[in-house]
């Protein structure tokens, strides 16, 4: 395995680990950590899949296959993350609506003679 392939494989594992940490942060409603991990993950993706990798892929079929496989793994993990975030956002919205309704009910109750 070439040095570039080894580096890409390691970066892919790190990216997948960051997505897993984002899933955990999402479940714990730790939004600031989610943002930090997102920034870190995007920077790593840009670095791992920099433009020069295209030139190397034209000359190295093994690297081309690794890039394709890495992108597929990352894409699948990101889809899982996006689904989890959407579900959590919906649940949070529902909870907020319940709190707002509860607040209105409490206000109406306290204003009765």
PDB file of N, CA and C in Angstrom:
ATOM      1  N   UNK A   1       0.850  -1.175   0.000  1.00  0.00           N
ATOM      2  CA  UNK A   1       0.000   0.000   0.000  1.00  0.00           C
ATOM      3  C   UNK A   1       0.891   1.232   0.000  1.00  0.00           C
ATOM      4  N   UNK A   2       0.565   2.181  -0.864  1.00  0.00           N
ATOM      5  CA  UNK A   2       1.360   3.405  -0.962  1.00  0.00           C
ATOM      6  C   UNK A   2       1.171   4.273   0.279  1.00  0.00           C
ATOM      7  N   UNK A   3       2.066   5.206   0.437  1.00  0.00           N
ATOM      8  CA  UNK A   3       1.983   6.118   1.586  1.00  0.00           C
ATOM      9  C   UNK A   3       0.678   6.908   1.535  1.00  0.00           C
ATOM     10  N   UNK A   4       0.303   7.355   0.341  1.00  0.00           N
ATOM     11  CA  UNK A   4      -0.936   8.130   0.187  1.00  0.00           C
ATOM     12  C   UNK A   4      -2.152   7.276   0.549  1.00  0.00           C
ATOM     13  N   UNK A   5      -2.144   6.012   0.143  1.00  0.00           N
ATOM     14  CA  UNK A   5      -3.247   5.109   0.457  1.00  0.00           C
ATOM     15  C   UNK A   5      -3.338   4.872   1.965  1.00  0.00           C
ATOM     16  N   UNK A   6      -2.206   4.693   2.600  1.00  0.00           N
ATOM     17  CA  UNK A   6      -2.175   4.492   4.049  1.00  0.00           C
ATOM     18  C   UNK A   6      -2.717   5.730   4.768  1.00  0.00           C
ATOM     19  N   UNK A   7      -2.311   6.891   4.305  1.00  0.00           N
ATOM     20  CA  UNK A   7      -2.775   8.157   4.889  1.00  0.00           C
ATOM     21  C   UNK A   7      -4.282   8.313   4.704  1.00  0.00           C
ATOM     22  N   UNK A   8      -4.764   7.993   3.499  1.00  0.00           N
ATOM     23  CA  UNK A   8      -6.195   8.105   3.224  1.00  0.00           C
ATOM     24  C   UNK A   8      -6.996   7.117   4.067  1.00  0.00           C
ATOM     25  N   UNK A   9      -6.505   5.905   4.212  1.00  0.00           N
ATOM     26  CA  UNK A   9      -7.200   4.912   5.027  1.00  0.00           C
ATOM     27  C   UNK A   9      -7.298   5.374   6.480  1.00  0.00           C
ATOM     28  N   UNK A  10      -6.214   5.929   6.985  1.00  0.00           N
ATOM     29  CA  UNK A  10      -6.217   6.438   8.368  1.00  0.00           C
ATOM     30  C   UNK A  10      -7.173   7.624   8.502  1.00  0.00           C
ATOM     31  N   UNK A  11      -7.155   8.516   7.523  1.00  0.00           N
ATOM     32  CA  UNK A  11      -8.048   9.677   7.557  1.00  0.00           C
ATOM     33  C   UNK A  11      -9.501   9.231   7.506  1.00  0.00           C
ATOM     34  N   UNK A  12      -9.791   8.242   6.699  1.00  0.00           N
ATOM     35  CA  UNK A  12     -11.159   7.726   6.600  1.00  0.00           C
ATOM     36  C   UNK A  12     -11.618   7.184   7.950  1.00  0.00           C
ATOM     37  N   UNK A  13     -10.766   6.437   8.626  1.00  0.00           N
ATOM     38  CA  UNK A  13     -11.123   5.903   9.946  1.00  0.00           C
ATOM     39  C   UNK A  13     -11.362   7.035  10.950  1.00  0.00           C
ATOM     40  N   UNK A  14     -10.549   8.071  10.865  1.00  0.00           N
ATOM     41  CA  UNK A  14     -10.719   9.217  11.766  1.00  0.00           C
ATOM     42  C   UNK A  14     -12.027   9.937  11.467  1.00  0.00           C
ATOM     43  N   UNK A  15     -12.336  10.109  10.196  1.00  0.00           N
ATOM     44  CA  UNK A  15     -13.594  10.764   9.800  1.00  0.00           C
ATOM     45  C   UNK A  15     -14.783   9.959  10.297  1.00  0.00           C
ATOM     46  N   UNK A  16     -14.738   8.652  10.130  1.00  0.00           N
ATOM     47  CA  UNK A  16     -15.824   7.800  10.602  1.00  0.00           C
ATOM     48  C   UNK A  16     -15.952   7.855  12.129  1.00  0.00           C
ATOM     49  N   UNK A  17     -14.832   7.942  12.821  1.00  0.00           N
ATOM     50  CA  UNK A  17     -14.857   8.066  14.288  1.00  0.00           C
ATOM     51  C   UNK A  17     -15.468   9.404  14.701  1.00  0.00           C
ATOM     52  N   UNK A  18     -15.168  10.461  13.950  1.00  0.00           N
ATOM     53  CA  UNK A  18     -15.760  11.769  14.254  1.00  0.00           C
ATOM     54  C   UNK A  18     -17.271  11.739  14.042  1.00  0.00           C
ATOM     55  N   UNK A  19     -17.713  11.058  12.997  1.00  0.00           N
ATOM     56  CA  UNK A  19     -19.153  10.940  12.764  1.00  0.00           C
ATOM     57  C   UNK A  19     -19.806  10.184  13.912  1.00  0.00           C
ATOM     58  N   UNK A  20     -19.163   9.143  14.376  1.00  0.00           N
ATOM     59  CA  UNK A  20     -19.697   8.388  15.515  1.00  0.00           C
ATOM     60  C   UNK A  20     -19.791   9.270  16.759  1.00  0.00           C
ATOM     61  N   UNK A  21     -18.769  10.078  16.981  1.00  0.00           N
ATOM     62  CA  UNK A  21     -18.805  11.014  18.120  1.00  0.00           C
ATOM     63  C   UNK A  21     -19.923  12.037  17.939  1.00  0.00           C
ATOM     64  N   UNK A  22     -20.167  12.462  16.687  1.00  0.00           N
ATOM     65  CA  UNK A  22     -21.264  13.390  16.437  1.00  0.00           C
ATOM     66  C   UNK A  22     -22.613  12.728  16.745  1.00  0.00           C
ATOM     67  N   UNK A  23     -22.742  11.467  16.396  1.00  0.00           N
ATOM     68  CA  UNK A  23     -23.976  10.748  16.716  1.00  0.00           C
ATOM     69  C   UNK A  23     -24.210  10.727  18.225  1.00  0.00           C
ATOM     70  N   UNK A  24     -23.156  10.482  18.978  1.00  0.00           N
ATOM     71  CA  UNK A  24     -23.267  10.466  20.435  1.00  0.00           C
ATOM     72  C   UNK A  24     -23.606  11.855  20.971  1.00  0.00           C
ATOM     73  N   UNK A  25     -22.959  12.876  20.433  1.00  0.00           N
ATOM     74  CA  UNK A  25     -23.233  14.250  20.873  1.00  0.00           C
ATOM     75  C   UNK A  25     -24.664  14.645  20.529  1.00  0.00           C
ATOM     76  N   UNK A  26     -25.127  14.237  19.370  1.00  0.00           N
ATOM     77  CA  UNK A  26     -26.500  14.517  18.960  1.00  0.00           C
ATOM     78  C   UNK A  26     -27.488  13.896  19.941  1.00  0.00           C
ATOM     79  N   UNK A  27     -27.256  12.654  20.289  1.00  0.00           N
ATOM     80  CA  UNK A  27     -28.154  11.960  21.207  1.00  0.00           C
ATOM     81  C   UNK A  27     -28.161  12.626  22.585  1.00  0.00           C
ATOM     82  N   UNK A  28     -27.029  13.197  22.969  1.00  0.00           N
ATOM     83  CA  UNK A  28     -26.923  13.859  24.279  1.00  0.00           C
ATOM     84  C   UNK A  28     -27.299  15.343  24.212  1.00  0.00           C
ATOM     85  N   UNK A  29     -27.765  15.798  23.043  1.00  0.00           N
ATOM     86  CA  UNK A  29     -28.124  17.210  22.833  1.00  0.00           C
ATOM     87  C   UNK A  29     -26.958  18.155  23.123  1.00  0.00           C
ATOM     88  N   UNK A  30     -25.768  17.742  22.779  1.00  0.00           N
ATOM     89  CA  UNK A  30     -24.572  18.564  22.976  1.00  0.00           C
ATOM     90  C   UNK A  30     -24.250  19.266  21.657  1.00  0.00           C
ATOM     91  N   UNK A  31     -24.958  20.376  21.412  1.00  0.00           N
ATOM     92  CA  UNK A  31     -24.899  21.053  20.112  1.00  0.00           C
ATOM     93  C   UNK A  31     -23.557  21.696  19.852  1.00  0.00           C
ATOM     94  N   UNK A  32     -22.941  22.262  20.872  1.00  0.00           N
ATOM     95  CA  UNK A  32     -21.630  22.903  20.674  1.00  0.00           C
ATOM     96  C   UNK A  32     -20.581  21.875  20.268  1.00  0.00           C
ATOM     97  N   UNK A  33     -20.629  20.710  20.893  1.00  0.00           N
ATOM     98  CA  UNK A  33     -19.694  19.652  20.524  1.00  0.00           C
ATOM     99  C   UNK A  33     -19.963  19.183  19.096  1.00  0.00           C
ATOM    100  N   UNK A  34     -21.240  19.115  18.732  1.00  0.00           N
ATOM    101  CA  UNK A  34     -21.599  18.733  17.357  1.00  0.00           C
ATOM    102  C   UNK A  34     -20.950  19.694  16.363  1.00  0.00           C
ATOM    103  N   UNK A  35     -21.049  20.982  16.631  1.00  0.00           N
ATOM    104  CA  UNK A  35     -20.466  21.994  15.734  1.00  0.00           C
ATOM    105  C   UNK A  35     -18.951  21.853  15.652  1.00  0.00           C
ATOM    106  N   UNK A  36     -18.310  21.664  16.793  1.00  0.00           N
ATOM    107  CA  UNK A  36     -16.857  21.520  16.813  1.00  0.00           C
ATOM    108  C   UNK A  36     -16.422  20.297  16.014  1.00  0.00           C
ATOM    109  N   UNK A  37     -17.107  19.182  16.229  1.00  0.00           N
ATOM    110  CA  UNK A  37     -16.780  17.952  15.511  1.00  0.00           C
ATOM    111  C   UNK A  37     -17.045  18.103  14.015  1.00  0.00           C
ATOM    112  N   UNK A  38     -18.099  18.814  13.667  1.00  0.00           N
ATOM    113  CA  UNK A  38     -18.420  19.052  12.254  1.00  0.00           C
ATOM    114  C   UNK A  38     -17.305  19.840  11.572  1.00  0.00           C
ATOM    115  N   UNK A  39     -16.832  20.877  12.227  1.00  0.00           N
ATOM    116  CA  UNK A  39     -15.737  21.679  11.682  1.00  0.00           C
ATOM    117  C   UNK A  39     -14.484  20.832  11.496  1.00  0.00           C
ATOM    118  N   UNK A  40     -14.166  20.064  12.511  1.00  0.00           N
ATOM    119  CA  UNK A  40     -12.992  19.190  12.466  1.00  0.00           C
ATOM    120  C   UNK A  40     -13.118  18.158  11.338  1.00  0.00           C
ATOM    121  N   UNK A  41     -14.310  17.571  11.220  1.00  0.00           N
ATOM    122  CA  UNK A  41     -14.548  16.541  10.207  1.00  0.00           C
ATOM    123  C   UNK A  41     -14.441  17.127   8.795  1.00  0.00           C
ATOM    124  N   UNK A  42     -15.035  18.295   8.578  1.00  0.00           N
ATOM    125  CA  UNK A  42     -14.975  18.904   7.241  1.00  0.00           C
ATOM    126  C   UNK A  42     -13.548  19.269   6.845  1.00  0.00           C
ATOM    127  N   UNK A  43     -12.776  19.761   7.796  1.00  0.00           N
ATOM    128  CA  UNK A  43     -11.373  20.080   7.502  1.00  0.00           C
ATOM    129  C   UNK A  43     -10.605  18.816   7.123  1.00  0.00           C
ATOM    130  N   UNK A  44     -10.857  17.740   7.831  1.00  0.00           N
ATOM    131  CA  UNK A  44     -10.171  16.481   7.548  1.00  0.00           C
ATOM    132  C   UNK A  44     -10.579  15.924   6.184  1.00  0.00           C
ATOM    133  N   UNK A  45     -11.845  16.059   5.847  1.00  0.00           N
ATOM    134  CA  UNK A  45     -12.313  15.599   4.529  1.00  0.00           C
ATOM    135  C   UNK A  45     -11.624  16.398   3.419  1.00  0.00           C
ATOM    136  N   UNK A  46     -11.562  17.705   3.581  1.00  0.00           N
ATOM    137  CA  UNK A  46     -10.895  18.536   2.569  1.00  0.00           C
ATOM    138  C   UNK A  46      -9.434  18.145   2.400  1.00  0.00           C
ATOM    139  N   UNK A  47      -8.790  17.886   3.515  1.00  0.00           N
ATOM    140  CA  UNK A  47      -7.378  17.511   3.468  1.00  0.00           C
ATOM    141  C   UNK A  47      -7.195  16.126   2.845  1.00  0.00           C
ATOM    142  N   UNK A  48      -8.035  15.171   3.238  1.00  0.00           N
ATOM    143  CA  UNK A  48      -7.896  13.794   2.761  1.00  0.00           C
ATOM    144  C   UNK A  48      -8.194  13.666   1.273  1.00  0.00           C
ATOM    145  N   UNK A  49      -9.144  14.467   0.797  1.00  0.00           N
ATOM    146  CA  UNK A  49      -9.560  14.363  -0.597  1.00  0.00           C
ATOM    147  C   UNK A  49      -9.174  15.617  -1.382  1.00  0.00           C
ATOM    148  N   UNK A  50      -7.986  16.116  -1.106  1.00  0.00           N
ATOM    149  CA  UNK A  50      -7.481  17.307  -1.787  1.00  0.00           C
ATOM    150  C   UNK A  50      -7.339  17.040  -3.288  1.00  0.00           C
ATOM    151  N   UNK A  51      -7.267  18.093  -4.042  1.00  0.00           N
ATOM    152  CA  UNK A  51      -7.226  18.010  -5.501  1.00  0.00           C
ATOM    153  C   UNK A  51      -6.097  17.116  -6.015  1.00  0.00           C
ATOM    154  N   UNK A  52      -4.966  17.110  -5.360  1.00  0.00           N
ATOM    155  CA  UNK A  52      -3.835  16.323  -5.853  1.00  0.00           C
ATOM    156  C   UNK A  52      -4.107  14.825  -5.845  1.00  0.00           C
ATOM    157  N   UNK A  53      -5.122  14.396  -5.105  1.00  0.00           N
ATOM    158  CA  UNK A  53      -5.436  12.967  -5.083  1.00  0.00           C
ATOM    159  C   UNK A  53      -5.999  12.516  -6.432  1.00  0.00           C
ATOM    160  N   UNK A  54      -6.651  13.435  -7.156  1.00  0.00           N
ATOM    161  CA  UNK A  54      -7.183  13.102  -8.479  1.00  0.00           C
ATOM    162  C   UNK A  54      -6.051  12.706  -9.414  1.00  0.00           C
ATOM    163  N   UNK A  55      -4.981  13.470  -9.406  1.00  0.00           N
ATOM    164  CA  UNK A  55      -3.824  13.164 -10.248  1.00  0.00           C
ATOM    165  C   UNK A  55      -3.246  11.807  -9.884  1.00  0.00           C
ATOM    166  N   UNK A  56      -3.129  11.556  -8.596  1.00  0.00           N
ATOM    167  CA  UNK A  56      -2.587  10.270  -8.150  1.00  0.00           C
ATOM    168  C   UNK A  56      -3.511   9.113  -8.522  1.00  0.00           C
ATOM    169  N   UNK A  57      -4.816   9.338  -8.468  1.00  0.00           N
ATOM    170  CA  UNK A  57      -5.765   8.283  -8.829  1.00  0.00           C
ATOM    171  C   UNK A  57      -5.649   7.912 -10.305  1.00  0.00           C
ATOM    172  N   UNK A  58      -5.336   8.883 -11.137  1.00  0.00           N
ATOM    173  CA  UNK A  58      -5.162   8.606 -12.559  1.00  0.00           C
ATOM    174  C   UNK A  58      -4.004   7.658 -12.806  1.00  0.00           C
ATOM    175  N   UNK A  59      -3.087   7.590 -11.869  1.00  0.00           N
ATOM    176  CA  UNK A  59      -1.893   6.767 -12.033  1.00  0.00           C
ATOM    177  C   UNK A  59      -1.884   5.526 -11.128  1.00  0.00           C
ATOM    178  N   UNK A  60      -2.876   5.392 -10.257  1.00  0.00           N
ATOM    179  CA  UNK A  60      -2.832   4.325  -9.258  1.00  0.00           C
ATOM    180  C   UNK A  60      -4.241   3.761  -9.048  1.00  0.00           C
ATOM    181  N   UNK A  61      -4.495   2.598  -9.627  1.00  0.00           N
ATOM    182  CA  UNK A  61      -5.829   1.994  -9.528  1.00  0.00           C
ATOM    183  C   UNK A  61      -6.175   1.575  -8.099  1.00  0.00           C
ATOM    184  N   UNK A  62      -5.183   1.153  -7.341  1.00  0.00           N
ATOM    185  CA  UNK A  62      -5.411   0.779  -5.944  1.00  0.00           C
ATOM    186  C   UNK A  62      -5.924   1.983  -5.157  1.00  0.00           C
ATOM    187  N   UNK A  63      -5.314   3.128  -5.383  1.00  0.00           N
ATOM    188  CA  UNK A  63      -5.732   4.349  -4.698  1.00  0.00           C
ATOM    189  C   UNK A  63      -7.133   4.754  -5.150  1.00  0.00           C
ATOM    190  N   UNK A  64      -7.411   4.599  -6.431  1.00  0.00           N
ATOM    191  CA  UNK A  64      -8.741   4.927  -6.956  1.00  0.00           C
ATOM    192  C   UNK A  64      -9.814   4.109  -6.250  1.00  0.00           C
ATOM    193  N   UNK A  65      -9.570   2.825  -6.091  1.00  0.00           N
ATOM    194  CA  UNK A  65     -10.524   1.958  -5.409  1.00  0.00           C
ATOM    195  C   UNK A  65     -10.677   2.357  -3.943  1.00  0.00           C
ATOM    196  N   UNK A  66      -9.580   2.697  -3.303  1.00  0.00           N
ATOM    197  CA  UNK A  66      -9.625   3.114  -1.905  1.00  0.00           C
ATOM    198  C   UNK A  66     -10.408   4.421  -1.751  1.00  0.00           C
ATOM    199  N   UNK A  67     -10.196   5.354  -2.672  1.00  0.00           N
ATOM    200  CA  UNK A  67     -10.936   6.617  -2.623  1.00  0.00           C
ATOM    201  C   UNK A  67     -12.429   6.347  -2.766  1.00  0.00           C
ATOM    202  N   UNK A  68     -12.792   5.528  -3.721  1.00  0.00           N
ATOM    203  CA  UNK A  68     -14.209   5.205  -3.943  1.00  0.00           C
ATOM    204  C   UNK A  68     -14.811   4.545  -2.696  1.00  0.00           C
ATOM    205  N   UNK A  69     -14.119   3.569  -2.158  1.00  0.00           N
ATOM    206  CA  UNK A  69     -14.601   2.865  -0.969  1.00  0.00           C
ATOM    207  C   UNK A  69     -14.713   3.811   0.225  1.00  0.00           C
ATOM    208  N   UNK A  70     -13.715   4.666   0.391  1.00  0.00           N
ATOM    209  CA  UNK A  70     -13.724   5.626   1.506  1.00  0.00           C
ATOM    210  C   UNK A  70     -14.905   6.581   1.395  1.00  0.00           C
ATOM    211  N   UNK A  71     -15.126   7.090   0.193  1.00  0.00           N
ATOM    212  CA  UNK A  71     -16.241   8.025  -0.016  1.00  0.00           C
ATOM    213  C   UNK A  71     -17.572   7.331   0.266  1.00  0.00           C
ATOM    214  N   UNK A  72     -17.725   6.094  -0.171  1.00  0.00           N
ATOM    215  CA  UNK A  72     -18.971   5.361   0.075  1.00  0.00           C
ATOM    216  C   UNK A  72     -19.205   5.158   1.562  1.00  0.00           C
ATOM    217  N   UNK A  73     -18.152   4.794   2.306  1.00  0.00           N
ATOM    218  CA  UNK A  73     -18.282   4.594   3.754  1.00  0.00           C
ATOM    219  C   UNK A  73     -18.657   5.901   4.451  1.00  0.00           C
ATOM    220  N   UNK A  74     -17.985   6.965   4.071  1.00  0.00           N
ATOM    221  CA  UNK A  74     -18.253   8.272   4.691  1.00  0.00           C
ATOM    222  C   UNK A  74     -19.668   8.727   4.356  1.00  0.00           C
ATOM    223  N   UNK A  75     -20.065   8.576   3.108  1.00  0.00           N
ATOM    224  CA  UNK A  75     -21.408   8.984   2.691  1.00  0.00           C
ATOM    225  C   UNK A  75     -22.475   8.226   3.473  1.00  0.00           C
ATOM    226  N   UNK A  76     -22.304   6.927   3.635  1.00  0.00           N
ATOM    227  CA  UNK A  76     -23.269   6.115   4.378  1.00  0.00           C
ATOM    228  C   UNK A  76     -23.345   6.573   5.840  1.00  0.00           C
ATOM    229  N   UNK A  77     -22.194   6.823   6.450  1.00  0.00           N
ATOM    230  CA  UNK A  77     -22.165   7.283   7.843  1.00  0.00           C
ATOM    231  C   UNK A  77     -22.793   8.670   7.976  1.00  0.00           C
ATOM    232  N   UNK A  78     -22.549   9.551   6.997  1.00  0.00           N
ATOM    233  CA  UNK A  78     -23.133  10.890   7.038  1.00  0.00           C
ATOM    234  C   UNK A  78     -24.646  10.838   6.883  1.00  0.00           C
ATOM    235  N   UNK A  79     -25.144   9.930   6.058  1.00  0.00           N
ATOM    236  CA  UNK A  79     -26.593   9.778   5.917  1.00  0.00           C
ATOM    237  C   UNK A  79     -27.218   9.348   7.241  1.00  0.00           C
ATOM    238  N   UNK A  80     -26.554   8.429   7.930  1.00  0.00           N
ATOM    239  CA  UNK A  80     -27.018   7.992   9.244  1.00  0.00           C
ATOM    240  C   UNK A  80     -27.036   9.164  10.226  1.00  0.00           C
ATOM    241  N   UNK A  81     -25.976   9.976  10.185  1.00  0.00           N
ATOM    242  CA  UNK A  81     -25.889  11.144  11.058  1.00  0.00           C
ATOM    243  C   UNK A  81     -27.005  12.138  10.749  1.00  0.00           C
ATOM    244  N   UNK A  82     -27.222  12.413   9.468  1.00  0.00           N
ATOM    245  CA  UNK A  82     -28.254  13.382   9.093  1.00  0.00           C
ATOM    246  C   UNK A  82     -29.638  12.899   9.531  1.00  0.00           C
ATOM    247  N   UNK A  83     -29.918  11.612   9.377  1.00  0.00           N
ATOM    248  CA  UNK A  83     -31.200  11.073   9.834  1.00  0.00           C
ATOM    249  C   UNK A  83     -31.360  11.252  11.338  1.00  0.00           C
ATOM    250  N   UNK A  84     -30.300  10.966  12.081  1.00  0.00           N
ATOM    251  CA  UNK A  84     -30.348  11.112  13.537  1.00  0.00           C
ATOM    252  C   UNK A  84     -30.570  12.568  13.940  1.00  0.00           C
ATOM    253  N   UNK A  85     -29.903  13.486  13.268  1.00  0.00           N
ATOM    254  CA  UNK A  85     -30.055  14.917  13.573  1.00  0.00           C
ATOM    255  C   UNK A  85     -31.483  15.371  13.268  1.00  0.00           C
ATOM    256  N   UNK A  86     -32.009  14.949  12.125  1.00  0.00           N
ATOM    257  CA  UNK A  86     -33.388  15.328  11.766  1.00  0.00           C
ATOM    258  C   UNK A  86     -34.378  14.800  12.792  1.00  0.00           C
ATOM    259  N   UNK A  87     -34.209  13.557  13.198  1.00  0.00           N
ATOM    260  CA  UNK A  87     -35.105  12.983  14.196  1.00  0.00           C
ATOM    261  C   UNK A  87     -35.006  13.716  15.523  1.00  0.00           C
ATOM    262  N   UNK A  88     -33.786  14.033  15.934  1.00  0.00           N
ATOM    263  CA  UNK A  88     -33.588  14.735  17.199  1.00  0.00           C
ATOM    264  C   UNK A  88     -34.183  16.140  17.122  1.00  0.00           C
ATOM    265  N   UNK A  89     -34.002  16.785  15.986  1.00  0.00           N
ATOM    266  CA  UNK A  89     -34.553  18.132  15.820  1.00  0.00           C
ATOM    267  C   UNK A  89     -36.079  18.090  15.915  1.00  0.00           C
ATOM    268  N   UNK A  90     -36.700  17.082  15.302  1.00  0.00           N
ATOM    269  CA  UNK A  90     -38.151  16.945  15.373  1.00  0.00           C
ATOM    270  C   UNK A  90     -38.604  16.711  16.810  1.00  0.00           C
ATOM    271  N   UNK A  91     -37.892  15.838  17.522  1.00  0.00           N
ATOM    272  CA  UNK A  91     -38.236  15.569  18.920  1.00  0.00           C
ATOM    273  C   UNK A  91     -38.078  16.821  19.778  1.00  0.00           C
ATOM    274  N   UNK A  92     -37.017  17.555  19.545  1.00  0.00           N
ATOM    275  CA  UNK A  92     -36.775  18.789  20.304  1.00  0.00           C
ATOM    276  C   UNK A  92     -37.873  19.808  20.013  1.00  0.00           C
ATOM    277  N   UNK A  93     -38.272  19.901  18.759  1.00  0.00           N
ATOM    278  CA  UNK A  93     -39.364  20.808  18.390  1.00  0.00           C
ATOM    279  C   UNK A  93     -40.664  20.424  19.072  1.00  0.00           C
ATOM    280  N   UNK A  94     -40.948  19.131  19.121  1.00  0.00           N
ATOM    281  CA  UNK A  94     -42.159  18.655  19.809  1.00  0.00           C
ATOM    282  C   UNK A  94     -42.115  19.006  21.289  1.00  0.00           C
ATOM    283  N   UNK A  95     -40.962  18.804  21.908  1.00  0.00           N
ATOM    284  CA  UNK A  95     -40.817  19.119  23.332  1.00  0.00           C
ATOM    285  C   UNK A  95     -41.005  20.616  23.580  1.00  0.00           C
ATOM    286  N   UNK A  96     -40.467  21.423  22.676  1.00  0.00           N
ATOM    287  CA  UNK A  96     -40.613  22.874  22.813  1.00  0.00           C
ATOM    288  C   UNK A  96     -42.074  23.284  22.700  1.00  0.00           C
ATOM    289  N   UNK A  97     -42.783  22.701  21.760  1.00  0.00           N
ATOM    290  CA  UNK A  97     -44.206  23.018  21.611  1.00  0.00           C
ATOM    291  C   UNK A  97     -44.986  22.632  22.865  1.00  0.00           C
ATOM    292  N   UNK A  98     -44.667  21.478  23.448  1.00  0.00           N
ATOM    293  CA  UNK A  98     -45.336  21.051  24.670  1.00  0.00           C
ATOM    294  C   UNK A  98     -45.060  22.026  25.807  1.00  0.00           C
ATOM    295  N   UNK A  99     -43.811  22.478  25.900  1.00  0.00           N
ATOM    296  CA  UNK A  99     -43.470  23.447  26.941  1.00  0.00           C
ATOM    297  C   UNK A  99     -44.221  24.755  26.735  1.00  0.00           C
ATOM    298  N   UNK A 100     -44.310  25.191  25.493  1.00  0.00           N
ATOM    299  CA  UNK A 100     -45.024  26.434  25.202  1.00  0.00           C
ATOM    300  C   UNK A 100     -46.509  26.305  25.535  1.00  0.00           C
ATOM    301  N   UNK A 101     -47.095  25.169  25.170  1.00  0.00           N
ATOM    302  CA  UNK A 101     -48.513  24.945  25.494  1.00  0.00           C
ATOM    303  C   UNK A 101     -48.706  24.878  27.013  1.00  0.00           C
ATOM    304  N   UNK A 102     -47.772  24.226  27.682  1.00  0.00           N
ATOM    305  CA  UNK A 102     -47.850  24.135  29.141  1.00  0.00           C
ATOM    306  C   UNK A 102     -47.732  25.504  29.785  1.00  0.00           C
ATOM    307  N   UNK A 103     -46.862  26.320  29.226  1.00  0.00           N
ATOM    308  CA  UNK A 103     -46.704  27.683  29.746  1.00  0.00           C
ATOM    309  C   UNK A 103     -47.963  28.506  29.546  1.00  0.00           C
ATOM    310  N   UNK A 104     -48.597  28.361  28.399  1.00  0.00           N
ATOM    311  CA  UNK A 104     -49.842  29.080  28.129  1.00  0.00           C
ATOM    312  C   UNK A 104     -50.945  28.611  29.058  1.00  0.00           C
ATOM    313  N   UNK A 105     -50.996  27.304  29.271  1.00  0.00           N
ATOM    314  CA  UNK A 105     -52.020  26.760  30.173  1.00  0.00           C
ATOM    315  C   UNK A 105     -51.802  27.266  31.595  1.00  0.00           C
ATOM    316  N   UNK A 106     -50.556  27.271  32.037  1.00  0.00           N
ATOM    317  CA  UNK A 106     -50.255  27.745  33.386  1.00  0.00           C
ATOM    318  C   UNK A 106     -50.611  29.215  33.522  1.00  0.00           C
ATOM    319  N   UNK A 107     -50.312  29.993  32.503  1.00  0.00           N
ATOM    320  CA  UNK A 107     -50.628  31.429  32.523  1.00  0.00           C
ATOM    321  C   UNK A 107     -52.133  31.633  32.561  1.00  0.00           C
ATOM    322  N   UNK A 108     -52.870  30.900  31.767  1.00  0.00           N
ATOM    323  CA  UNK A 108     -54.332  31.019  31.748  1.00  0.00           C
ATOM    324  C   UNK A 108     -54.909  30.594  33.095  1.00  0.00           C
ATOM    325  N   UNK A 109     -54.365  29.567  33.689  1.00  0.00           N
ATOM    326  CA  UNK A 109     -54.851  29.070  34.961  1.00  0.00           C
ATOM    327  C   UNK A 109     -54.630  30.099  36.073  1.00  0.00           C
ATOM    328  N   UNK A 110     -53.439  30.728  36.064  1.00  0.00           N
ATOM    329  CA  UNK A 110     -53.126  31.690  37.121  1.00  0.00           C
ATOM    330  C   UNK A 110     -53.898  32.998  36.936  1.00  0.00           C
ATOM    331  N   UNK A 111     -54.403  33.256  35.738  1.00  0.00           N
ATOM    332  CA  UNK A 111     -55.131  34.505  35.492  1.00  0.00           C
ATOM    333  C   UNK A 111     -56.627  34.366  35.778  1.00  0.00           C
ATOM    334  N   UNK A 112     -57.094  33.165  36.063  1.00  0.00           N
ATOM    335  CA  UNK A 112     -58.512  32.969  36.342  1.00  0.00           C
ATOM    336  C   UNK A 112     -58.830  33.544  37.718  1.00  0.00           C
ATOM    337  N   UNK A 113     -60.044  34.142  37.851  1.00  0.00           N
ATOM    338  CA  UNK A 113     -60.426  34.733  39.148  1.00  0.00           C
ATOM    339  C   UNK A 113     -60.649  33.726  40.227  1.00  0.00           C
TER     340      UNK A 113
END
